[in-house]
Structures are given as structure tokens and as C-alpha cells.
Amino acid sequence: LSFIPQRPPFVMTGELLSATDQVTITTYVIAKENILVD
């Protein structure tokens, strides 16, 4: 949350694995409470 402007319940990313000048890689485990789960 220090790196993204979004706040719960609208956070759709989890761990930042890598951030270079060109490429960013994240992981995210989908929670059943996520508002974009149907």
C-alpha cells in the first residue's frame, strides 16, 4: 500500500517481486472477499 494509490477493498495486487526501469512483477492470491470475484 506504500506503492499504490488504491486502498481496500479495491486492492488487486499483493507482493512486489521485482521493479526495474522497464519491468514490474507482482503476485496476488485471489481472496473470496475480493469485490471483483463473481
ModelCIF file with pLDDT and N, C-alpha, C, O atoms, coordinates in Angstrom:
data_MODEL
#
_entry.id   MODEL 
#
_entity.id                         1 
_entity.type                       polymer 
_entity.pdbx_number_of_molecules   1 
#
_entity_poly.entity_id                      1 
_entity_poly.type                           'polypeptide(L)' 
_entity_poly.nstd_linkage                   no 
_entity_poly.nstd_monomer                   no 
_entity_poly.pdbx_seq_one_letter_code       LSFIPQRPPFVMTGELLSATDQVTITTYVIAKENILVD 
_entity_poly.pdbx_seq_one_letter_code_can   LSFIPQRPPFVMTGELLSATDQVTITTYVIAKENILVD 
_entity_poly.pdbx_strand_id                 A 
#
loop_
_entity_poly_seq.entity_id 
_entity_poly_seq.num 
_entity_poly_seq.mon_id 
_entity_poly_seq.hetero 
1 1  LEU n 
1 2  SER n 
1 3  PHE n 
1 4  ILE n 
1 5  PRO n 
1 6  GLN n 
1 7  ARG n 
1 8  PRO n 
1 9  PRO n 
1 10 PHE n 
1 11 VAL n 
1 12 MET n 
1 13 THR n 
1 14 GLY n 
1 15 GLU n 
1 16 LEU n 
1 17 LEU n 
1 18 SER n 
1 19 ALA n 
1 20 THR n 
1 21 ASP n 
1 22 GLN n 
1 23 VAL n 
1 24 THR n 
1 25 ILE n 
1 26 THR n 
1 27 THR n 
1 28 TYR n 
1 29 VAL n 
1 30 ILE n 
1 31 ALA n 
1 32 LYS n 
1 33 GLU n 
1 34 ASN n 
1 35 ILE n 
1 36 LEU n 
1 37 VAL n 
1 38 ASP n 
#
_struct_asym.id          A 
_struct_asym.entity_id   1 
#
loop_
_ma_qa_metric.id 
_ma_qa_metric.mode 
_ma_qa_metric.name 
_ma_qa_metric.software_group_id 
_ma_qa_metric.type 
1 global pLDDT . pLDDT 
2 local  pLDDT . pLDDT 
#
_ma_qa_metric_global.metric_id      1 
_ma_qa_metric_global.metric_value   94.92 
_ma_qa_metric_global.model_id       1 
_ma_qa_metric_global.ordinal_id     1 
#
loop_
_ma_qa_metric_local.label_asym_id 
_ma_qa_metric_local.label_comp_id 
_ma_qa_metric_local.label_seq_id 
_ma_qa_metric_local.metric_id 
_ma_qa_metric_local.metric_value 
_ma_qa_metric_local.model_id 
_ma_qa_metric_local.ordinal_id 
A LEU 1  2 90.00 1 1  
A SER 2  2 91.00 1 2  
A PHE 3  2 94.00 1 3  
A ILE 4  2 95.00 1 4  
A PRO 5  2 93.00 1 5  
A GLN 6  2 93.00 1 6  
A ARG 7  2 92.00 1 7  
A PRO 8  2 92.00 1 8  
A PRO 9  2 93.00 1 9  
A PHE 10 2 95.00 1 10 
A VAL 11 2 95.00 1 11 
A MET 12 2 96.00 1 12 
A THR 13 2 96.00 1 13 
A GLY 14 2 94.00 1 14 
A GLU 15 2 93.00 1 15 
A LEU 16 2 94.00 1 16 
A LEU 17 2 94.00 1 17 
A SER 18 2 93.00 1 18 
A ALA 19 2 94.00 1 19 
A THR 20 2 94.00 1 20 
A ASP 21 2 91.00 1 21 
A GLN 22 2 96.00 1 22 
A VAL 23 2 97.00 1 23 
A THR 24 2 97.00 1 24 
A ILE 25 2 96.00 1 25 
A THR 26 2 96.00 1 26 
A THR 27 2 96.00 1 27 
A TYR 28 2 97.00 1 28 
A VAL 29 2 97.00 1 29 
A ILE 30 2 98.00 1 30 
A ALA 31 2 96.00 1 31 
A LYS 32 2 95.00 1 32 
A GLU 33 2 96.00 1 33 
A ASN 34 2 97.00 1 34 
A ILE 35 2 97.00 1 35 
A LEU 36 2 98.00 1 36 
A VAL 37 2 98.00 1 37 
A ASP 38 2 98.00 1 38 
#
loop_
_atom_site.group_PDB 
_atom_site.id 
_atom_site.type_symbol 
_atom_site.label_atom_id 
_atom_site.label_alt_id 
_atom_site.label_comp_id 
_atom_site.label_asym_id 
_atom_site.label_entity_id 
_atom_site.label_seq_id 
_atom_site.pdbx_PDB_ins_code 
_atom_site.Cartn_x 
_atom_site.Cartn_y 
_atom_site.Cartn_z 
_atom_site.occupancy 
_atom_site.B_iso_or_equiv 
_atom_site.pdbx_formal_charge 
_atom_site.auth_seq_id 
_atom_site.auth_comp_id 
_atom_site.auth_asym_id 
_atom_site.auth_atom_id 
_atom_site.pdbx_PDB_model_num 
ATOM 1   N N  . LEU A 1 1  ? 0.815   -1.215  0.000   1.00 90.00 ? 1  LEU A N  1 
ATOM 2   C CA . LEU A 1 1  ? 0.000   0.000   0.000   1.00 90.00 ? 1  LEU A CA 1 
ATOM 3   C C  . LEU A 1 1  ? 0.848   1.264   0.000   1.00 90.00 ? 1  LEU A C  1 
ATOM 4   O O  . LEU A 1 1  ? 0.334   2.350   -0.271  1.00 90.00 ? 1  LEU A O  1 
ATOM 5   N N  . SER A 1 2  ? 2.139   1.143   0.300   1.00 91.00 ? 2  SER A N  1 
ATOM 6   C CA . SER A 1 2  ? 3.054   2.287   0.223   1.00 91.00 ? 2  SER A CA 1 
ATOM 7   C C  . SER A 1 2  ? 3.345   2.670   -1.222  1.00 91.00 ? 2  SER A C  1 
ATOM 8   O O  . SER A 1 2  ? 3.803   3.782   -1.487  1.00 91.00 ? 2  SER A O  1 
ATOM 9   N N  . PHE A 1 3  ? 3.084   1.758   -2.162  1.00 94.00 ? 3  PHE A N  1 
ATOM 10  C CA . PHE A 1 3  ? 3.481   1.967   -3.551  1.00 94.00 ? 3  PHE A CA 1 
ATOM 11  C C  . PHE A 1 3  ? 2.319   2.131   -4.516  1.00 94.00 ? 3  PHE A C  1 
ATOM 12  O O  . PHE A 1 3  ? 2.535   2.488   -5.674  1.00 94.00 ? 3  PHE A O  1 
ATOM 13  N N  . ILE A 1 4  ? 1.104   1.883   -4.075  1.00 95.00 ? 4  ILE A N  1 
ATOM 14  C CA . ILE A 1 4  ? -0.059  2.034   -4.955  1.00 95.00 ? 4  ILE A CA 1 
ATOM 15  C C  . ILE A 1 4  ? -1.041  3.015   -4.327  1.00 95.00 ? 4  ILE A C  1 
ATOM 16  O O  . ILE A 1 4  ? -1.150  3.090   -3.103  1.00 95.00 ? 4  ILE A O  1 
ATOM 17  N N  . PRO A 1 5  ? -1.755  3.764   -5.157  1.00 93.00 ? 5  PRO A N  1 
ATOM 18  C CA . PRO A 1 5  ? -2.728  4.707   -4.609  1.00 93.00 ? 5  PRO A CA 1 
ATOM 19  C C  . PRO A 1 5  ? -4.047  4.044   -4.194  1.00 93.00 ? 5  PRO A C  1 
ATOM 20  O O  . PRO A 1 5  ? -4.825  4.642   -3.451  1.00 93.00 ? 5  PRO A O  1 
ATOM 21  N N  . GLN A 1 6  ? -4.306  2.828   -4.659  1.00 93.00 ? 6  GLN A N  1 
ATOM 22  C CA . GLN A 1 6  ? -5.554  2.143   -4.344  1.00 93.00 ? 6  GLN A CA 1 
ATOM 23  C C  . GLN A 1 6  ? -5.558  1.727   -2.869  1.00 93.00 ? 6  GLN A C  1 
ATOM 24  O O  . GLN A 1 6  ? -4.511  1.527   -2.252  1.00 93.00 ? 6  GLN A O  1 
ATOM 25  N N  . ARG A 1 7  ? -6.761  1.605   -2.335  1.00 92.00 ? 7  ARG A N  1 
ATOM 26  C CA . ARG A 1 7  ? -6.944  1.201   -0.951  1.00 92.00 ? 7  ARG A CA 1 
ATOM 27  C C  . ARG A 1 7  ? -8.026  0.131   -0.883  1.00 92.00 ? 7  ARG A C  1 
ATOM 28  O O  . ARG A 1 7  ? -8.895  0.064   -1.753  1.00 92.00 ? 7  ARG A O  1 
ATOM 29  N N  . PRO A 1 8  ? -7.973  -0.720  0.166   1.00 92.00 ? 8  PRO A N  1 
ATOM 30  C CA . PRO A 1 8  ? -9.027  -1.726  0.329   1.00 92.00 ? 8  PRO A CA 1 
ATOM 31  C C  . PRO A 1 8  ? -10.390 -1.051  0.326   1.00 92.00 ? 8  PRO A C  1 
ATOM 32  O O  . PRO A 1 8  ? -10.541 0.040   0.876   1.00 92.00 ? 8  PRO A O  1 
ATOM 33  N N  . PRO A 1 9  ? -11.362 -1.674  -0.273  1.00 93.00 ? 9  PRO A N  1 
ATOM 34  C CA . PRO A 1 9  ? -11.394 -3.047  -0.775  1.00 93.00 ? 9  PRO A CA 1 
ATOM 35  C C  . PRO A 1 9  ? -10.985 -3.174  -2.234  1.00 93.00 ? 9  PRO A C  1 
ATOM 36  O O  . PRO A 1 9  ? -11.274 -4.196  -2.858  1.00 93.00 ? 9  PRO A O  1 
ATOM 37  N N  . PHE A 1 10 ? -10.318 -2.164  -2.802  1.00 95.00 ? 10 PHE A N  1 
ATOM 38  C CA . PHE A 1 10 ? -10.003 -2.194  -4.230  1.00 95.00 ? 10 PHE A CA 1 
ATOM 39  C C  . PHE A 1 10 ? -8.513  -2.411  -4.488  1.00 95.00 ? 10 PHE A C  1 
ATOM 40  O O  . PHE A 1 10 ? -7.936  -1.786  -5.377  1.00 95.00 ? 10 PHE A O  1 
ATOM 41  N N  . VAL A 1 11 ? -7.900  -3.290  -3.717  1.00 95.00 ? 11 VAL A N  1 
ATOM 42  C CA . VAL A 1 11 ? -6.501  -3.649  -3.930  1.00 95.00 ? 11 VAL A CA 1 
ATOM 43  C C  . VAL A 1 11 ? -6.478  -4.998  -4.654  1.00 95.00 ? 11 VAL A C  1 
ATOM 44  O O  . VAL A 1 11 ? -6.998  -5.993  -4.151  1.00 95.00 ? 11 VAL A O  1 
ATOM 45  N N  . MET A 1 12 ? -5.867  -5.013  -5.840  1.00 96.00 ? 12 MET A N  1 
ATOM 46  C CA . MET A 1 12 ? -5.871  -6.209  -6.695  1.00 96.00 ? 12 MET A CA 1 
ATOM 47  C C  . MET A 1 12 ? -4.460  -6.726  -6.952  1.00 96.00 ? 12 MET A C  1 
ATOM 48  O O  . MET A 1 12 ? -4.226  -7.435  -7.930  1.00 96.00 ? 12 MET A O  1 
ATOM 49  N N  . THR A 1 13 ? -3.527  -6.377  -6.085  1.00 96.00 ? 13 THR A N  1 
ATOM 50  C CA . THR A 1 13 ? -2.166  -6.887  -6.196  1.00 96.00 ? 13 THR A CA 1 
ATOM 51  C C  . THR A 1 13 ? -1.650  -7.159  -4.798  1.00 96.00 ? 13 THR A C  1 
ATOM 52  O O  . THR A 1 13 ? -2.160  -6.609  -3.821  1.00 96.00 ? 13 THR A O  1 
ATOM 53  N N  . GLY A 1 14 ? -0.637  -8.008  -4.704  1.00 94.00 ? 14 GLY A N  1 
ATOM 54  C CA . GLY A 1 14 ? -0.138  -8.405  -3.394  1.00 94.00 ? 14 GLY A CA 1 
ATOM 55  C C  . GLY A 1 14 ? 1.319   -8.073  -3.203  1.00 94.00 ? 14 GLY A C  1 
ATOM 56  O O  . GLY A 1 14 ? 1.657   -6.973  -2.767  1.00 94.00 ? 14 GLY A O  1 
ATOM 57  N N  . GLU A 1 15 ? 2.174   -8.999  -3.519  1.00 93.00 ? 15 GLU A N  1 
ATOM 58  C CA . GLU A 1 15 ? 3.607   -8.838  -3.273  1.00 93.00 ? 15 GLU A CA 1 
ATOM 59  C C  . GLU A 1 15 ? 4.329   -8.330  -4.516  1.00 93.00 ? 15 GLU A C  1 
ATOM 60  O O  . GLU A 1 15 ? 4.114   -8.829  -5.620  1.00 93.00 ? 15 GLU A O  1 
ATOM 61  N N  . LEU A 1 16 ? 5.184   -7.337  -4.321  1.00 94.00 ? 16 LEU A N  1 
ATOM 62  C CA . LEU A 1 16 ? 6.015   -6.820  -5.395  1.00 94.00 ? 16 LEU A CA 1 
ATOM 63  C C  . LEU A 1 16 ? 7.293   -7.645  -5.429  1.00 94.00 ? 16 LEU A C  1 
ATOM 64  O O  . LEU A 1 16 ? 8.110   -7.570  -4.511  1.00 94.00 ? 16 LEU A O  1 
ATOM 65  N N  . LEU A 1 17 ? 7.466   -8.436  -6.492  1.00 94.00 ? 17 LEU A N  1 
ATOM 66  C CA . LEU A 1 17 ? 8.637   -9.296  -6.606  1.00 94.00 ? 17 LEU A CA 1 
ATOM 67  C C  . LEU A 1 17 ? 9.829   -8.571  -7.198  1.00 94.00 ? 17 LEU A C  1 
ATOM 68  O O  . LEU A 1 17 ? 10.968  -8.795  -6.789  1.00 94.00 ? 17 LEU A O  1 
ATOM 69  N N  . SER A 1 18 ? 9.563   -7.693  -8.173  1.00 93.00 ? 18 SER A N  1 
ATOM 70  C CA . SER A 1 18 ? 10.638  -7.027  -8.883  1.00 93.00 ? 18 SER A CA 1 
ATOM 71  C C  . SER A 1 18 ? 10.122  -5.743  -9.502  1.00 93.00 ? 18 SER A C  1 
ATOM 72  O O  . SER A 1 18 ? 8.992   -5.682  -9.985  1.00 93.00 ? 18 SER A O  1 
ATOM 73  N N  . ALA A 1 19 ? 10.969  -4.706  -9.484  1.00 94.00 ? 19 ALA A N  1 
ATOM 74  C CA . ALA A 1 19 ? 10.636  -3.450  -10.149 1.00 94.00 ? 19 ALA A CA 1 
ATOM 75  C C  . ALA A 1 19 ? 11.922  -2.850  -10.701 1.00 94.00 ? 19 ALA A C  1 
ATOM 76  O O  . ALA A 1 19 ? 12.777  -2.379  -9.951  1.00 94.00 ? 19 ALA A O  1 
ATOM 77  N N  . THR A 1 20 ? 12.045  -2.875  -12.040 1.00 94.00 ? 20 THR A N  1 
ATOM 78  C CA . THR A 1 20 ? 13.185  -2.261  -12.706 1.00 94.00 ? 20 THR A CA 1 
ATOM 79  C C  . THR A 1 20 ? 12.671  -1.066  -13.505 1.00 94.00 ? 20 THR A C  1 
ATOM 80  O O  . THR A 1 20 ? 11.492  -0.722  -13.421 1.00 94.00 ? 20 THR A O  1 
ATOM 81  N N  . ASP A 1 21 ? 13.544  -0.440  -14.272 1.00 91.00 ? 21 ASP A N  1 
ATOM 82  C CA . ASP A 1 21 ? 13.103  0.695   -15.086 1.00 91.00 ? 21 ASP A CA 1 
ATOM 83  C C  . ASP A 1 21 ? 12.041  0.294   -16.101 1.00 91.00 ? 21 ASP A C  1 
ATOM 84  O O  . ASP A 1 21 ? 11.192  1.110   -16.460 1.00 91.00 ? 21 ASP A O  1 
ATOM 85  N N  . GLN A 1 22 ? 12.077  -0.946  -16.564 1.00 96.00 ? 22 GLN A N  1 
ATOM 86  C CA . GLN A 1 22 ? 11.159  -1.371  -17.622 1.00 96.00 ? 22 GLN A CA 1 
ATOM 87  C C  . GLN A 1 22 ? 10.108  -2.375  -17.178 1.00 96.00 ? 22 GLN A C  1 
ATOM 88  O O  . GLN A 1 22 ? 8.986   -2.342  -17.684 1.00 96.00 ? 22 GLN A O  1 
ATOM 89  N N  . VAL A 1 23 ? 10.438  -3.276  -16.238 1.00 97.00 ? 23 VAL A N  1 
ATOM 90  C CA . VAL A 1 23 ? 9.570   -4.414  -15.924 1.00 97.00 ? 23 VAL A CA 1 
ATOM 91  C C  . VAL A 1 23 ? 9.219   -4.455  -14.444 1.00 97.00 ? 23 VAL A C  1 
ATOM 92  O O  . VAL A 1 23 ? 10.086  -4.286  -13.586 1.00 97.00 ? 23 VAL A O  1 
ATOM 93  N N  . THR A 1 24 ? 7.943   -4.680  -14.153 1.00 97.00 ? 24 THR A N  1 
ATOM 94  C CA . THR A 1 24 ? 7.461   -4.871  -12.787 1.00 97.00 ? 24 THR A CA 1 
ATOM 95  C C  . THR A 1 24 ? 6.755   -6.219  -12.718 1.00 97.00 ? 24 THR A C  1 
ATOM 96  O O  . THR A 1 24 ? 5.975   -6.573  -13.602 1.00 97.00 ? 24 THR A O  1 
ATOM 97  N N  . ILE A 1 25 ? 7.044   -6.973  -11.643 1.00 96.00 ? 25 ILE A N  1 
ATOM 98  C CA . ILE A 1 25 ? 6.419   -8.281  -11.453 1.00 96.00 ? 25 ILE A CA 1 
ATOM 99  C C  . ILE A 1 25 ? 5.810   -8.330  -10.053 1.00 96.00 ? 25 ILE A C  1 
ATOM 100 O O  . ILE A 1 25 ? 6.468   -8.005  -9.065  1.00 96.00 ? 25 ILE A O  1 
ATOM 101 N N  . THR A 1 26 ? 4.547   -8.739  -9.985  1.00 96.00 ? 26 THR A N  1 
ATOM 102 C CA . THR A 1 26 ? 3.855   -8.894  -8.708  1.00 96.00 ? 26 THR A CA 1 
ATOM 103 C C  . THR A 1 26 ? 3.217   -10.278 -8.639  1.00 96.00 ? 26 THR A C  1 
ATOM 104 O O  . THR A 1 26 ? 3.088   -10.977 -9.644  1.00 96.00 ? 26 THR A O  1 
ATOM 105 N N  . THR A 1 27 ? 2.823   -10.649 -7.430  1.00 96.00 ? 27 THR A N  1 
ATOM 106 C CA . THR A 1 27 ? 1.970   -11.821 -7.240  1.00 96.00 ? 27 THR A CA 1 
ATOM 107 C C  . THR A 1 27 ? 0.733   -11.376 -6.486  1.00 96.00 ? 27 THR A C  1 
ATOM 108 O O  . THR A 1 27 ? 0.720   -10.336 -5.827  1.00 96.00 ? 27 THR A O  1 
ATOM 109 N N  . TYR A 1 28 ? -0.302  -12.185 -6.597  1.00 97.00 ? 28 TYR A N  1 
ATOM 110 C CA . TYR A 1 28 ? -1.557  -11.884 -5.914  1.00 97.00 ? 28 TYR A CA 1 
ATOM 111 C C  . TYR A 1 28 ? -2.340  -13.170 -5.724  1.00 97.00 ? 28 TYR A C  1 
ATOM 112 O O  . TYR A 1 28 ? -2.562  -13.915 -6.678  1.00 97.00 ? 28 TYR A O  1 
ATOM 113 N N  . VAL A 1 29 ? -2.759  -13.429 -4.490  1.00 97.00 ? 29 VAL A N  1 
ATOM 114 C CA . VAL A 1 29 ? -3.633  -14.570 -4.193  1.00 97.00 ? 29 VAL A CA 1 
ATOM 115 C C  . VAL A 1 29 ? -5.052  -14.042 -4.106  1.00 97.00 ? 29 VAL A C  1 
ATOM 116 O O  . VAL A 1 29 ? -5.336  -13.143 -3.315  1.00 97.00 ? 29 VAL A O  1 
ATOM 117 N N  . ILE A 1 30 ? -5.935  -14.591 -4.908  1.00 98.00 ? 30 ILE A N  1 
ATOM 118 C CA . ILE A 1 30 ? -7.312  -14.093 -5.003  1.00 98.00 ? 30 ILE A CA 1 
ATOM 119 C C  . ILE A 1 30 ? -8.106  -14.511 -3.773  1.00 98.00 ? 30 ILE A C  1 
ATOM 120 O O  . ILE A 1 30 ? -8.245  -15.699 -3.481  1.00 98.00 ? 30 ILE A O  1 
ATOM 121 N N  . ALA A 1 31 ? -8.623  -13.522 -3.060  1.00 96.00 ? 31 ALA A N  1 
ATOM 122 C CA . ALA A 1 31 ? -9.436  -13.766 -1.866  1.00 96.00 ? 31 ALA A CA 1 
ATOM 123 C C  . ALA A 1 31 ? -10.914 -13.849 -2.251  1.00 96.00 ? 31 ALA A C  1 
ATOM 124 O O  . ALA A 1 31 ? -11.367 -13.164 -3.169  1.00 96.00 ? 31 ALA A O  1 
ATOM 125 N N  . LYS A 1 32 ? -11.652 -14.689 -1.543  1.00 95.00 ? 32 LYS A N  1 
ATOM 126 C CA . LYS A 1 32 ? -13.082 -14.815 -1.860  1.00 95.00 ? 32 LYS A CA 1 
ATOM 127 C C  . LYS A 1 32 ? -13.831 -13.518 -1.588  1.00 95.00 ? 32 LYS A C  1 
ATOM 128 O O  . LYS A 1 32 ? -14.899 -13.295 -2.157  1.00 95.00 ? 32 LYS A O  1 
ATOM 129 N N  . GLU A 1 33 ? -13.286 -12.655 -0.723  1.00 96.00 ? 33 GLU A N  1 
ATOM 130 C CA . GLU A 1 33 ? -13.928 -11.378 -0.396  1.00 96.00 ? 33 GLU A CA 1 
ATOM 131 C C  . GLU A 1 33 ? -13.667 -10.293 -1.433  1.00 96.00 ? 33 GLU A C  1 
ATOM 132 O O  . GLU A 1 33 ? -14.256 -9.215  -1.354  1.00 96.00 ? 33 GLU A O  1 
ATOM 133 N N  . ASN A 1 34 ? -12.807 -10.555 -2.393  1.00 97.00 ? 34 ASN A N  1 
ATOM 134 C CA . ASN A 1 34 ? -12.461 -9.556  -3.397  1.00 97.00 ? 34 ASN A CA 1 
ATOM 135 C C  . ASN A 1 34 ? -13.718 -9.098  -4.122  1.00 97.00 ? 34 ASN A C  1 
ATOM 136 O O  . ASN A 1 34 ? -14.542 -9.917  -4.530  1.00 97.00 ? 34 ASN A O  1 
ATOM 137 N N  . ILE A 1 35 ? -13.864 -7.779  -4.280  1.00 97.00 ? 35 ILE A N  1 
ATOM 138 C CA . ILE A 1 35 ? -15.091 -7.250  -4.885  1.00 97.00 ? 35 ILE A CA 1 
ATOM 139 C C  . ILE A 1 35 ? -15.200 -7.533  -6.383  1.00 97.00 ? 35 ILE A C  1 
ATOM 140 O O  . ILE A 1 35 ? -16.264 -7.339  -6.970  1.00 97.00 ? 35 ILE A O  1 
ATOM 141 N N  . LEU A 1 36 ? -14.122 -7.987  -7.002  1.00 98.00 ? 36 LEU A N  1 
ATOM 142 C CA . LEU A 1 36 ? -14.181 -8.348  -8.418  1.00 98.00 ? 36 LEU A CA 1 
ATOM 143 C C  . LEU A 1 36 ? -14.202 -9.857  -8.631  1.00 98.00 ? 36 LEU A C  1 
ATOM 144 O O  . LEU A 1 36 ? -13.892 -10.345 -9.718  1.00 98.00 ? 36 LEU A O  1 
ATOM 145 N N  . VAL A 1 37 ? -14.572 -10.592 -7.579  1.00 98.00 ? 37 VAL A N  1 
ATOM 146 C CA . VAL A 1 37 ? -14.827 -12.026 -7.677  1.00 98.00 ? 37 VAL A CA 1 
ATOM 147 C C  . VAL A 1 37 ? -16.333 -12.215 -7.832  1.00 98.00 ? 37 VAL A C  1 
ATOM 148 O O  . VAL A 1 37 ? -17.124 -11.627 -7.095  1.00 98.00 ? 37 VAL A O  1 
ATOM 149 N N  . ASP A 1 38 ? -16.711 -13.033 -8.789  1.00 98.00 ? 38 ASP A N  1 
ATOM 150 C CA . ASP A 1 38 ? -18.125 -13.327 -9.013  1.00 98.00 ? 38 ASP A CA 1 
ATOM 151 C C  . ASP A 1 38 ? -18.278 -14.840 -9.162  1.00 98.00 ? 38 ASP A C  1 
ATOM 152 O O  . ASP A 1 38 ? -19.389 -15.331 -9.360  1.00 98.00 ? 38 ASP A O  1 
#
